[in-house]
Amino acid sequence: MKADKIRELSTEELRKKEHDLKDELFKLRFQAATGHLENPMRIREIKRDIARVKTILRERELQARKQ
């Protein structure tokens, strides 16, 4: 998911998205441990999406403190 699409979401939606991504990452790691993971690159994509969401949430938090 691109950062500009993430920025369009509200803060509450971002928190839900982060939670969903973490759940998906857990499931993918479990699949990898059991040997049933079809696309190992998906773990990397999910990690990066989580980082993007966290970055944007932090930017909004800092901006709110400024004002």
N, C-alpha and C. Protein backbone atom coordinates (compact mmCIF):
# COMPACT_ATOMS: atom_id res chain seq x y z
N MET A 1 0.84 -1.17 0.00
CA MET A 1 0.00 0.00 0.00
C MET A 1 0.89 1.24 0.00
N LYS A 2 0.55 2.19 -0.83
CA LYS A 2 1.34 3.41 -0.95
C LYS A 2 1.04 4.39 0.19
N ALA A 3 2.02 5.23 0.51
CA ALA A 3 1.88 6.16 1.62
C ALA A 3 0.78 7.18 1.37
N ASP A 4 0.60 7.63 0.12
CA ASP A 4 -0.44 8.64 -0.13
C ASP A 4 -1.83 8.04 0.08
N LYS A 5 -2.01 6.76 -0.19
CA LYS A 5 -3.30 6.11 0.09
C LYS A 5 -3.52 5.98 1.59
N ILE A 6 -2.44 5.71 2.32
CA ILE A 6 -2.53 5.59 3.78
C ILE A 6 -2.88 6.94 4.39
N ARG A 7 -2.31 8.01 3.86
CA ARG A 7 -2.57 9.35 4.40
C ARG A 7 -4.03 9.78 4.25
N GLU A 8 -4.73 9.18 3.30
CA GLU A 8 -6.14 9.52 3.09
C GLU A 8 -7.04 8.97 4.20
N LEU A 9 -6.55 7.97 4.93
CA LEU A 9 -7.35 7.34 5.99
C LEU A 9 -7.36 8.19 7.25
N SER A 10 -8.41 8.06 8.03
CA SER A 10 -8.49 8.77 9.30
C SER A 10 -7.58 8.08 10.32
N THR A 11 -7.35 8.73 11.43
CA THR A 11 -6.48 8.17 12.46
C THR A 11 -7.05 6.87 13.01
N GLU A 12 -8.35 6.83 13.21
CA GLU A 12 -8.98 5.61 13.72
C GLU A 12 -8.86 4.47 12.71
N GLU A 13 -9.03 4.78 11.44
CA GLU A 13 -8.88 3.78 10.40
C GLU A 13 -7.44 3.27 10.34
N LEU A 14 -6.48 4.17 10.57
CA LEU A 14 -5.07 3.77 10.57
C LEU A 14 -4.77 2.80 11.71
N ARG A 15 -5.35 3.06 12.87
CA ARG A 15 -5.13 2.16 14.00
C ARG A 15 -5.72 0.79 13.72
N LYS A 16 -6.88 0.76 13.09
CA LYS A 16 -7.50 -0.51 12.74
C LYS A 16 -6.66 -1.22 11.68
N LYS A 17 -6.16 -0.46 10.72
CA LYS A 17 -5.32 -1.03 9.66
C LYS A 17 -4.05 -1.65 10.26
N GLU A 18 -3.44 -0.93 11.22
CA GLU A 18 -2.23 -1.44 11.87
C GLU A 18 -2.54 -2.76 12.59
N HIS A 19 -3.65 -2.80 13.29
CA HIS A 19 -4.04 -4.02 13.99
C HIS A 19 -4.25 -5.18 13.01
N ASP A 20 -4.94 -4.91 11.91
CA ASP A 20 -5.19 -5.94 10.89
C ASP A 20 -3.89 -6.44 10.27
N LEU A 21 -2.97 -5.52 10.00
CA LEU A 21 -1.69 -5.91 9.41
C LEU A 21 -0.87 -6.77 10.38
N LYS A 22 -0.91 -6.42 11.66
CA LYS A 22 -0.18 -7.21 12.65
C LYS A 22 -0.76 -8.62 12.74
N ASP A 23 -2.09 -8.72 12.68
CA ASP A 23 -2.73 -10.03 12.68
C ASP A 23 -2.30 -10.85 11.46
N GLU A 24 -2.28 -10.20 10.31
CA GLU A 24 -1.88 -10.89 9.09
C GLU A 24 -0.42 -11.34 9.17
N LEU A 25 0.44 -10.49 9.72
CA LEU A 25 1.85 -10.84 9.88
C LEU A 25 2.01 -12.06 10.79
N PHE A 26 1.23 -12.09 11.87
CA PHE A 26 1.27 -13.24 12.77
C PHE A 26 0.91 -14.53 12.03
N LYS A 27 -0.16 -14.46 11.24
CA LYS A 27 -0.60 -15.63 10.50
C LYS A 27 0.44 -16.07 9.48
N LEU A 28 1.07 -15.10 8.82
CA LEU A 28 2.10 -15.44 7.84
C LEU A 28 3.32 -16.07 8.50
N ARG A 29 3.70 -15.56 9.66
CA ARG A 29 4.83 -16.14 10.39
C ARG A 29 4.52 -17.56 10.83
N PHE A 30 3.29 -17.77 11.23
CA PHE A 30 2.87 -19.11 11.64
C PHE A 30 2.94 -20.06 10.44
N GLN A 31 2.48 -19.60 9.29
CA GLN A 31 2.55 -20.41 8.07
C GLN A 31 4.00 -20.71 7.71
N ALA A 32 4.86 -19.72 7.87
CA ALA A 32 6.28 -19.92 7.55
C ALA A 32 6.89 -20.97 8.47
N ALA A 33 6.51 -20.93 9.74
CA ALA A 33 7.07 -21.88 10.71
C ALA A 33 6.60 -23.31 10.44
N THR A 34 5.39 -23.44 9.92
CA THR A 34 4.87 -24.78 9.64
C THR A 34 5.19 -25.24 8.23
N GLY A 35 5.78 -24.37 7.42
CA GLY A 35 6.18 -24.75 6.07
C GLY A 35 5.08 -24.63 5.03
N HIS A 36 4.04 -23.89 5.32
CA HIS A 36 2.92 -23.76 4.40
C HIS A 36 2.84 -22.38 3.74
N LEU A 37 3.87 -21.58 3.86
CA LEU A 37 3.85 -20.23 3.30
C LEU A 37 4.12 -20.28 1.80
N GLU A 38 3.20 -19.72 1.02
CA GLU A 38 3.35 -19.75 -0.43
C GLU A 38 4.22 -18.62 -0.95
N ASN A 39 4.08 -17.41 -0.37
CA ASN A 39 4.81 -16.25 -0.85
C ASN A 39 5.58 -15.60 0.30
N PRO A 40 6.86 -15.95 0.48
CA PRO A 40 7.63 -15.39 1.59
C PRO A 40 7.85 -13.88 1.49
N MET A 41 7.75 -13.32 0.31
CA MET A 41 7.93 -11.88 0.14
C MET A 41 6.77 -11.10 0.76
N ARG A 42 5.66 -11.77 0.98
CA ARG A 42 4.49 -11.12 1.57
C ARG A 42 4.79 -10.65 2.99
N ILE A 43 5.63 -11.39 3.72
CA ILE A 43 6.01 -10.98 5.08
C ILE A 43 6.72 -9.63 5.03
N ARG A 44 7.62 -9.48 4.07
CA ARG A 44 8.36 -8.23 3.93
C ARG A 44 7.43 -7.07 3.59
N GLU A 45 6.46 -7.31 2.70
CA GLU A 45 5.51 -6.28 2.32
C GLU A 45 4.67 -5.84 3.52
N ILE A 46 4.22 -6.79 4.31
CA ILE A 46 3.40 -6.48 5.47
C ILE A 46 4.20 -5.67 6.49
N LYS A 47 5.44 -6.05 6.73
CA LYS A 47 6.29 -5.32 7.67
C LYS A 47 6.46 -3.87 7.22
N ARG A 48 6.65 -3.67 5.95
CA ARG A 48 6.82 -2.32 5.43
C ARG A 48 5.53 -1.51 5.53
N ASP A 49 4.39 -2.16 5.29
CA ASP A 49 3.11 -1.48 5.44
C ASP A 49 2.86 -1.06 6.89
N ILE A 50 3.23 -1.93 7.82
CA ILE A 50 3.10 -1.60 9.24
C ILE A 50 3.96 -0.39 9.57
N ALA A 51 5.18 -0.37 9.06
CA ALA A 51 6.08 0.75 9.30
C ALA A 51 5.52 2.05 8.72
N ARG A 52 4.93 1.98 7.53
CA ARG A 52 4.33 3.16 6.93
C ARG A 52 3.19 3.71 7.78
N VAL A 53 2.33 2.80 8.23
CA VAL A 53 1.19 3.22 9.05
C VAL A 53 1.68 3.85 10.35
N LYS A 54 2.65 3.23 11.00
CA LYS A 54 3.18 3.77 12.24
C LYS A 54 3.83 5.13 12.04
N THR A 55 4.52 5.30 10.93
CA THR A 55 5.17 6.57 10.63
C THR A 55 4.13 7.68 10.47
N ILE A 56 3.08 7.41 9.75
CA ILE A 56 2.05 8.42 9.52
C ILE A 56 1.31 8.73 10.81
N LEU A 57 1.05 7.70 11.64
CA LEU A 57 0.41 7.96 12.93
C LEU A 57 1.30 8.84 13.80
N ARG A 58 2.59 8.58 13.78
CA ARG A 58 3.52 9.39 14.57
C ARG A 58 3.59 10.82 14.05
N GLU A 59 3.59 11.00 12.73
CA GLU A 59 3.58 12.34 12.16
C GLU A 59 2.36 13.12 12.63
N ARG A 60 1.21 12.46 12.63
CA ARG A 60 -0.02 13.13 13.06
C ARG A 60 0.02 13.46 14.54
N GLU A 61 0.60 12.57 15.33
CA GLU A 61 0.73 12.82 16.76
C GLU A 61 1.61 14.04 17.03
N LEU A 62 2.73 14.11 16.35
CA LEU A 62 3.63 15.25 16.53
C LEU A 62 3.01 16.54 16.03
N GLN A 63 2.27 16.46 14.96
CA GLN A 63 1.61 17.66 14.43
C GLN A 63 0.54 18.14 15.41
N ALA A 64 -0.17 17.23 16.04
CA ALA A 64 -1.20 17.60 17.00
C ALA A 64 -0.58 18.26 18.23
N ARG A 65 0.60 17.82 18.63
CA ARG A 65 1.28 18.41 19.77
C ARG A 65 1.76 19.82 19.48
N LYS A 66 2.13 20.07 18.23
CA LYS A 66 2.60 21.40 17.82
C LYS A 66 1.51 22.45 17.97
N GLN A 67 0.31 22.05 17.62
CA GLN A 67 -0.79 23.01 17.59
C GLN A 67 -1.38 23.26 18.92
